[in-house]
C-alpha atoms as a PDB file:
ATOM      1  CA  UNK A   1      29.295-114.323  41.859  1.00  0.00           C
ATOM      2  CA  UNK A   2      29.478-111.718  39.122  1.00  0.00           C
ATOM      3  CA  UNK A   3      31.568-108.630  40.092  1.00  0.00           C
ATOM      4  CA  UNK A   4      31.666-109.605  43.770  1.00  0.00           C
ATOM      5  CA  UNK A   5      34.615-110.515  45.896  1.00  0.00           C
ATOM      6  CA  UNK A   6      33.788-113.911  47.379  1.00  0.00           C
ATOM      7  CA  UNK A   7      36.173-115.551  49.836  1.00  0.00           C
ATOM      8  CA  UNK A   8      34.205-118.758  50.288  1.00  0.00           C
ATOM      9  CA  UNK A   9      30.832-120.282  49.814  1.00  0.00           C
ATOM     10  CA  UNK A  10      29.448-121.804  53.063  1.00  0.00           C
ATOM     11  CA  UNK A  11      27.069-124.697  52.631  1.00  0.00           C
ATOM     12  CA  UNK A  12      25.102-127.171  54.684  1.00  0.00           C
ATOM     13  CA  UNK A  13      26.624-130.559  55.439  1.00  0.00           C
ATOM     14  CA  UNK A  14      23.555-132.082  53.771  1.00  0.00           C
ATOM     15  CA  UNK A  15      24.198-131.894  49.922  1.00  0.00           C
ATOM     16  CA  UNK A  16      20.557-132.125  49.014  1.00  0.00           C
ATOM     17  CA  UNK A  17      18.978-131.737  46.598  1.00  0.00           C
ATOM     18  CA  UNK A  18      22.014-133.326  44.918  1.00  0.00           C
ATOM     19  CA  UNK A  19      21.512-131.407  41.644  1.00  0.00           C
ATOM     20  CA  UNK A  20      21.583-128.066  43.476  1.00  0.00           C
ATOM     21  CA  UNK A  21      24.538-129.034  45.526  1.00  0.00           C
ATOM     22  CA  UNK A  22      26.365-130.206  42.397  1.00  0.00           C
ATOM     23  CA  UNK A  23      25.494-126.886  40.672  1.00  0.00           C
ATOM     24  CA  UNK A  24      26.973-124.895  43.596  1.00  0.00           C
ATOM     25  CA  UNK A  25      30.215-126.865  43.508  1.00  0.00           C
ATOM     26  CA  UNK A  26      30.554-126.511  39.760  1.00  0.00           C
ATOM     27  CA  UNK A  27      29.981-122.703  39.870  1.00  0.00           C
ATOM     28  CA  UNK A  28      32.320-122.375  42.798  1.00  0.00           C
ATOM     29  CA  UNK A  29      35.061-124.298  41.067  1.00  0.00           C
ATOM     30  CA  UNK A  30      34.594-122.140  37.919  1.00  0.00           C
ATOM     31  CA  UNK A  31      34.928-119.023  39.878  1.00  0.00           C
ATOM     32  CA  UNK A  32      37.918-120.289  41.886  1.00  0.00           C
ATOM     33  CA  UNK A  33      36.021-120.009  45.189  1.00  0.00           C
ATOM     34  CA  UNK A  34      36.274-122.597  47.944  1.00  0.00           C
ATOM     35  CA  UNK A  35      33.316-124.374  49.305  1.00  0.00           C
ATOM     36  CA  UNK A  36      33.177-124.679  53.022  1.00  0.00           C
ATOM     37  CA  UNK A  37      30.825-126.810  55.085  1.00  0.00           C
ATOM     38  CA  UNK A  38      29.213-124.882  57.945  1.00  0.00           C
ATOM     39  CA  UNK A  39      30.088-126.062  61.454  1.00  0.00           C
ATOM     40  CA  UNK A  40      27.884-125.155  64.322  1.00  0.00           C
ATOM     41  CA  UNK A  41      29.755-122.811  66.853  1.00  0.00           C
ATOM     42  CA  UNK A  42      32.195-121.399  64.183  1.00  0.00           C
ATOM     43  CA  UNK A  43      32.773-117.681  64.566  1.00  0.00           C
ATOM     44  CA  UNK A  44      33.959-115.375  61.826  1.00  0.00           C
ATOM     45  CA  UNK A  45      34.771-111.753  61.522  1.00  0.00           C
ATOM     46  CA  UNK A  46      35.387-109.317  58.607  1.00  0.00           C
ATOM     47  CA  UNK A  47      35.456-105.633  59.006  1.00  0.00           C
ATOM     48  CA  UNK A  48      32.841-104.571  61.489  1.00  0.00           C
ATOM     49  CA  UNK A  49      30.744-107.785  61.040  1.00  0.00           C
ATOM     50  CA  UNK A  50      30.845-110.888  63.136  1.00  0.00           C
ATOM     51  CA  UNK A  51      28.966-114.011  62.440  1.00  0.00           C
ATOM     52  CA  UNK A  52      28.460-117.228  64.216  1.00  0.00           C
ATOM     53  CA  UNK A  53      27.082-120.401  62.808  1.00  0.00           C
ATOM     54  CA  UNK A  54      24.276-121.700  65.096  1.00  0.00           C
ATOM     55  CA  UNK A  55      23.102-124.557  62.957  1.00  0.00           C
ATOM     56  CA  UNK A  56      22.881-127.061  61.512  1.00  0.00           C
ATOM     57  CA  UNK A  57      23.889-129.148  64.501  1.00  0.00           C
ATOM     58  CA  UNK A  58      24.442-132.385  62.499  1.00  0.00           C
ATOM     59  CA  UNK A  59      21.345-133.999  63.818  1.00  0.00           C
ATOM     60  CA  UNK A  60      18.126-133.825  61.615  1.00  0.00           C
ATOM     61  CA  UNK A  61      15.087-133.813  63.894  1.00  0.00           C
ATOM     62  CA  UNK A  62      13.074-136.996  64.114  1.00  0.00           C
ATOM     63  CA  UNK A  63      10.108-136.963  61.750  1.00  0.00           C
ATOM     64  CA  UNK A  64      11.563-134.130  59.690  1.00  0.00           C
ATOM     65  CA  UNK A  65       9.433-133.665  56.514  1.00  0.00           C
ATOM     66  CA  UNK A  66      12.423-131.838  54.892  1.00  0.00           C
ATOM     67  CA  UNK A  67      15.820-132.778  55.952  1.00  0.00           C
ATOM     68  CA  UNK A  68      17.341-130.186  53.503  1.00  0.00           C
ATOM     69  CA  UNK A  69      15.346-127.411  55.117  1.00  0.00           C
ATOM     70  CA  UNK A  70      16.118-128.684  58.643  1.00  0.00           C
ATOM     71  CA  UNK A  71      19.752-128.656  57.690  1.00  0.00           C
ATOM     72  CA  UNK A  72      19.826-124.959  56.738  1.00  0.00           C
ATOM     73  CA  UNK A  73      22.681-122.873  57.707  1.00  0.00           C
ATOM     74  CA  UNK A  74      21.636-120.532  60.560  1.00  0.00           C
ATOM     75  CA  UNK A  75      23.653-117.386  61.329  1.00  0.00           C
ATOM     76  CA  UNK A  76      23.756-114.955  64.116  1.00  0.00           C
ATOM     77  CA  UNK A  77      25.241-111.773  62.681  1.00  0.00           C
ATOM     78  CA  UNK A  78      26.337-108.795  64.687  1.00  0.00           C
ATOM     79  CA  UNK A  79      27.250-105.390  63.193  1.00  0.00           C
ATOM     80  CA  UNK A  80      27.121-102.000  64.784  1.00  0.00           C
ATOM     81  CA  UNK A  81      25.610-103.406  67.907  1.00  0.00           C
ATOM     82  CA  UNK A  82      22.669-104.874  66.081  1.00  0.00           C
ATOM     83  CA  UNK A  83      22.075-108.679  66.187  1.00  0.00           C
ATOM     84  CA  UNK A  84      20.474-110.419  63.271  1.00  0.00           C
ATOM     85  CA  UNK A  85      19.163-114.039  63.277  1.00  0.00           C
ATOM     86  CA  UNK A  86      19.122-115.541  59.807  1.00  0.00           C
ATOM     87  CA  UNK A  87      17.164-118.678  59.939  1.00  0.00           C
ATOM     88  CA  UNK A  88      17.503-120.092  56.359  1.00  0.00           C
ATOM     89  CA  UNK A  89      14.736-122.572  55.674  1.00  0.00           C
ATOM     90  CA  UNK A  90      14.596-124.207  59.096  1.00  0.00           C
ATOM     91  CA  UNK A  91      11.338-125.771  60.074  1.00  0.00           C
ATOM     92  CA  UNK A  92       9.698-126.231  63.393  1.00  0.00           C
ATOM     93  CA  UNK A  93      11.773-129.275  64.575  1.00  0.00           C
ATOM     94  CA  UNK A  94      15.258-127.768  63.784  1.00  0.00           C
ATOM     95  CA  UNK A  95      14.056-124.408  65.289  1.00  0.00           C
ATOM     96  CA  UNK A  96      13.227-126.310  68.509  1.00  0.00           C
ATOM     97  CA  UNK A  97      16.762-127.772  68.494  1.00  0.00           C
ATOM     98  CA  UNK A  98      18.079-124.298  68.064  1.00  0.00           C
ATOM     99  CA  UNK A  99      16.238-123.019  71.168  1.00  0.00           C
ATOM    100  CA  UNK A 100      17.667-125.931  73.174  1.00  0.00           C
ATOM    101  CA  UNK A 101      21.268-125.599  71.906  1.00  0.00           C
ATOM    102  CA  UNK A 102      21.439-121.830  72.298  1.00  0.00           C
ATOM    103  CA  UNK A 103      19.436-120.901  75.453  1.00  0.00           C
ATOM    104  CA  UNK A 104      18.859-117.223  75.921  1.00  0.00           C
ATOM    105  CA  UNK A 105      19.280-116.539  72.200  1.00  0.00           C
ATOM    106  CA  UNK A 106      18.478-112.799  71.413  1.00  0.00           C
ATOM    107  CA  UNK A 107      18.292-110.910  68.188  1.00  0.00           C
ATOM    108  CA  UNK A 108      17.215-107.416  67.224  1.00  0.00           C
ATOM    109  CA  UNK A 109      16.192-108.435  63.700  1.00  0.00           C
ATOM    110  CA  UNK A 110      14.760-111.884  62.761  1.00  0.00           C
ATOM    111  CA  UNK A 111      15.029-113.029  59.045  1.00  0.00           C
ATOM    112  CA  UNK A 112      11.976-115.458  59.326  1.00  0.00           C
ATOM    113  CA  UNK A 113      12.608-119.036  58.187  1.00  0.00           C
ATOM    114  CA  UNK A 114      11.360-120.504  54.985  1.00  0.00           C
ATOM    115  CA  UNK A 115       9.740-117.435  53.432  1.00  0.00           C
ATOM    116  CA  UNK A 116       7.250-117.178  56.319  1.00  0.00           C
ATOM    117  CA  UNK A 117       5.908-120.656  56.126  1.00  0.00           C
ATOM    118  CA  UNK A 118       3.532-121.933  58.978  1.00  0.00           C
ATOM    119  CA  UNK A 119       6.335-124.169  60.265  1.00  0.00           C
ATOM    120  CA  UNK A 120       7.745-121.850  62.871  1.00  0.00           C
ATOM    121  CA  UNK A 121       8.475-122.445  66.552  1.00  0.00           C
ATOM    122  CA  UNK A 122       6.533-120.000  68.621  1.00  0.00           C
ATOM    123  CA  UNK A 123       8.861-120.267  71.571  1.00  0.00           C
ATOM    124  CA  UNK A 124      11.794-119.189  69.343  1.00  0.00           C
ATOM    125  CA  UNK A 125       9.955-116.286  67.880  1.00  0.00           C
ATOM    126  CA  UNK A 126       8.497-115.004  71.138  1.00  0.00           C
ATOM    127  CA  UNK A 127      11.681-115.495  73.149  1.00  0.00           C
ATOM    128  CA  UNK A 128      14.068-113.637  70.796  1.00  0.00           C
ATOM    129  CA  UNK A 129      13.133-110.114  71.855  1.00  0.00           C
ATOM    130  CA  UNK A 130      13.245-109.075  68.157  1.00  0.00           C
ATOM    131  CA  UNK A 131      12.440-105.540  67.283  1.00  0.00           C
ATOM    132  CA  UNK A 132      11.776-106.341  63.661  1.00  0.00           C
ATOM    133  CA  UNK A 133      11.057-109.472  61.450  1.00  0.00           C
ATOM    134  CA  UNK A 134      11.768-109.664  57.783  1.00  0.00           C
ATOM    135  CA  UNK A 135      10.156-112.187  55.408  1.00  0.00           C
ATOM    136  CA  UNK A 136      11.731-112.812  52.001  1.00  0.00           C
ATOM    137  CA  UNK A 137       8.817-113.918  49.857  1.00  0.00           C
ATOM    138  CA  UNK A 138       7.590-113.598  46.370  1.00  0.00           C
ATOM    139  CA  UNK A 139       4.382-111.737  45.555  1.00  0.00           C
ATOM    140  CA  UNK A 140       1.423-113.967  44.816  1.00  0.00           C
ATOM    141  CA  UNK A 141       3.382-117.137  45.706  1.00  0.00           C
ATOM    142  CA  UNK A 142       1.547-120.435  45.431  1.00  0.00           C
ATOM    143  CA  UNK A 143       2.183-121.410  49.084  1.00  0.00           C
ATOM    144  CA  UNK A 144       0.394-118.437  50.655  1.00  0.00           C
ATOM    145  CA  UNK A 145       3.339-117.211  52.465  1.00  0.00           C
ATOM    146  CA  UNK A 146       3.729-115.543  54.897  1.00  0.00           C
ATOM    147  CA  UNK A 147       1.281-117.971  56.592  1.00  0.00           C
ATOM    148  CA  UNK A 148      -1.457-116.611  58.825  1.00  0.00           C
ATOM    149  CA  UNK A 149      -0.089-118.742  61.775  1.00  0.00           C
ATOM    150  CA  UNK A 150       3.250-116.886  61.492  1.00  0.00           C
ATOM    151  CA  UNK A 151       1.625-113.508  61.231  1.00  0.00           C
ATOM    152  CA  UNK A 152      -0.346-114.223  64.410  1.00  0.00           C
ATOM    153  CA  UNK A 153       2.802-115.329  66.130  1.00  0.00           C
ATOM    154  CA  UNK A 154       4.600-112.076  65.264  1.00  0.00           C
ATOM    155  CA  UNK A 155       1.559-109.928  66.309  1.00  0.00           C
ATOM    156  CA  UNK A 156       1.442-111.773  69.693  1.00  0.00           C
ATOM    157  CA  UNK A 157       5.122-111.241  70.207  1.00  0.00           C
ATOM    158  CA  UNK A 158       4.695-107.490  69.255  1.00  0.00           C
ATOM    159  CA  UNK A 159       7.302-107.805  66.516  1.00  0.00           C
ATOM    160  CA  UNK A 160       6.702-105.508  63.452  1.00  0.00           C
ATOM    161  CA  UNK A 161       7.057-107.210  60.026  1.00  0.00           C
ATOM    162  CA  UNK A 162       8.432-106.168  56.728  1.00  0.00           C
ATOM    163  CA  UNK A 163       8.085-108.353  53.663  1.00  0.00           C
ATOM    164  CA  UNK A 164       9.591-108.293  50.263  1.00  0.00           C
ATOM    165  CA  UNK A 165       6.347-109.052  48.403  1.00  0.00           C
ATOM    166  CA  UNK A 166       4.954-105.784  49.638  1.00  0.00           C
ATOM    167  CA  UNK A 167       7.984-103.670  50.460  1.00  0.00           C
ATOM    168  CA  UNK A 168      10.461-104.766  47.783  1.00  0.00           C
ATOM    169  CA  UNK A 169      14.057-104.595  48.821  1.00  0.00           C
ATOM    170  CA  UNK A 170      14.511-103.872  52.549  1.00  0.00           C
ATOM    171  CA  UNK A 171      17.464-102.113  54.130  1.00  0.00           C
ATOM    172  CA  UNK A 172      17.663-102.026  58.050  1.00  0.00           C
ATOM    173  CA  UNK A 173      19.560 -99.208  59.554  1.00  0.00           C
ATOM    174  CA  UNK A 174      20.529 -98.345  63.066  1.00  0.00           C
ATOM    175  CA  UNK A 175      20.486 -94.658  63.595  1.00  0.00           C
ATOM    176  CA  UNK A 176      19.772 -94.560  67.386  1.00  0.00           C
ATOM    177  CA  UNK A 177      17.006 -97.081  66.766  1.00  0.00           C
ATOM    178  CA  UNK A 178      16.149 -99.428  63.936  1.00  0.00           C
ATOM    179  CA  UNK A 179      14.986 -97.674  60.750  1.00  0.00           C
ATOM    180  CA  UNK A 180      13.766 -99.396  57.591  1.00  0.00           C
ATOM    181  CA  UNK A 181      14.199 -98.281  54.064  1.00  0.00           C
ATOM    182  CA  UNK A 182      12.363-100.145  51.271  1.00  0.00           C
ATOM    183  CA  UNK A 183      12.335 -99.911  47.405  1.00  0.00           C
ATOM    184  CA  UNK A 184       8.491 -99.654  47.168  1.00  0.00           C
END
């Protein structure tokens, strides 16, 4: 929150892990920033940016191995005519719910879920029509992310990938077509 103007912190309705949720509430209170629970379908706008909360829907998929991940806040953001889908840490089951809840979902840029884990829904990725995928992942992470399964899905869908472990910070610009600038 340092040196940033923050109007609210939007969180998942599932306050897990409890230690992390508590830490967020304490820091928000100390900064005088309200905490707002995300509600699927909410639309917000500020300046030239519009964002819609697509998930969580309130129903954790049956058999979820990670309810906190499957309760991630998912946003569809539009700015300058470019649509970005930000998937949080959603896993396969909640991604399937997203496809059912939002038929015809389209995004120009996909921020891949859960640092590029293997738990991705192929139907979601192939059906988005994305022109670019981004994976936020640490170099030499212990999980082997991004997973080979995800990389194969992106190749099959013809979606170019940029990843923070190799590219550093990534900026996506629309100058008559998507352009990418990186710090490496």
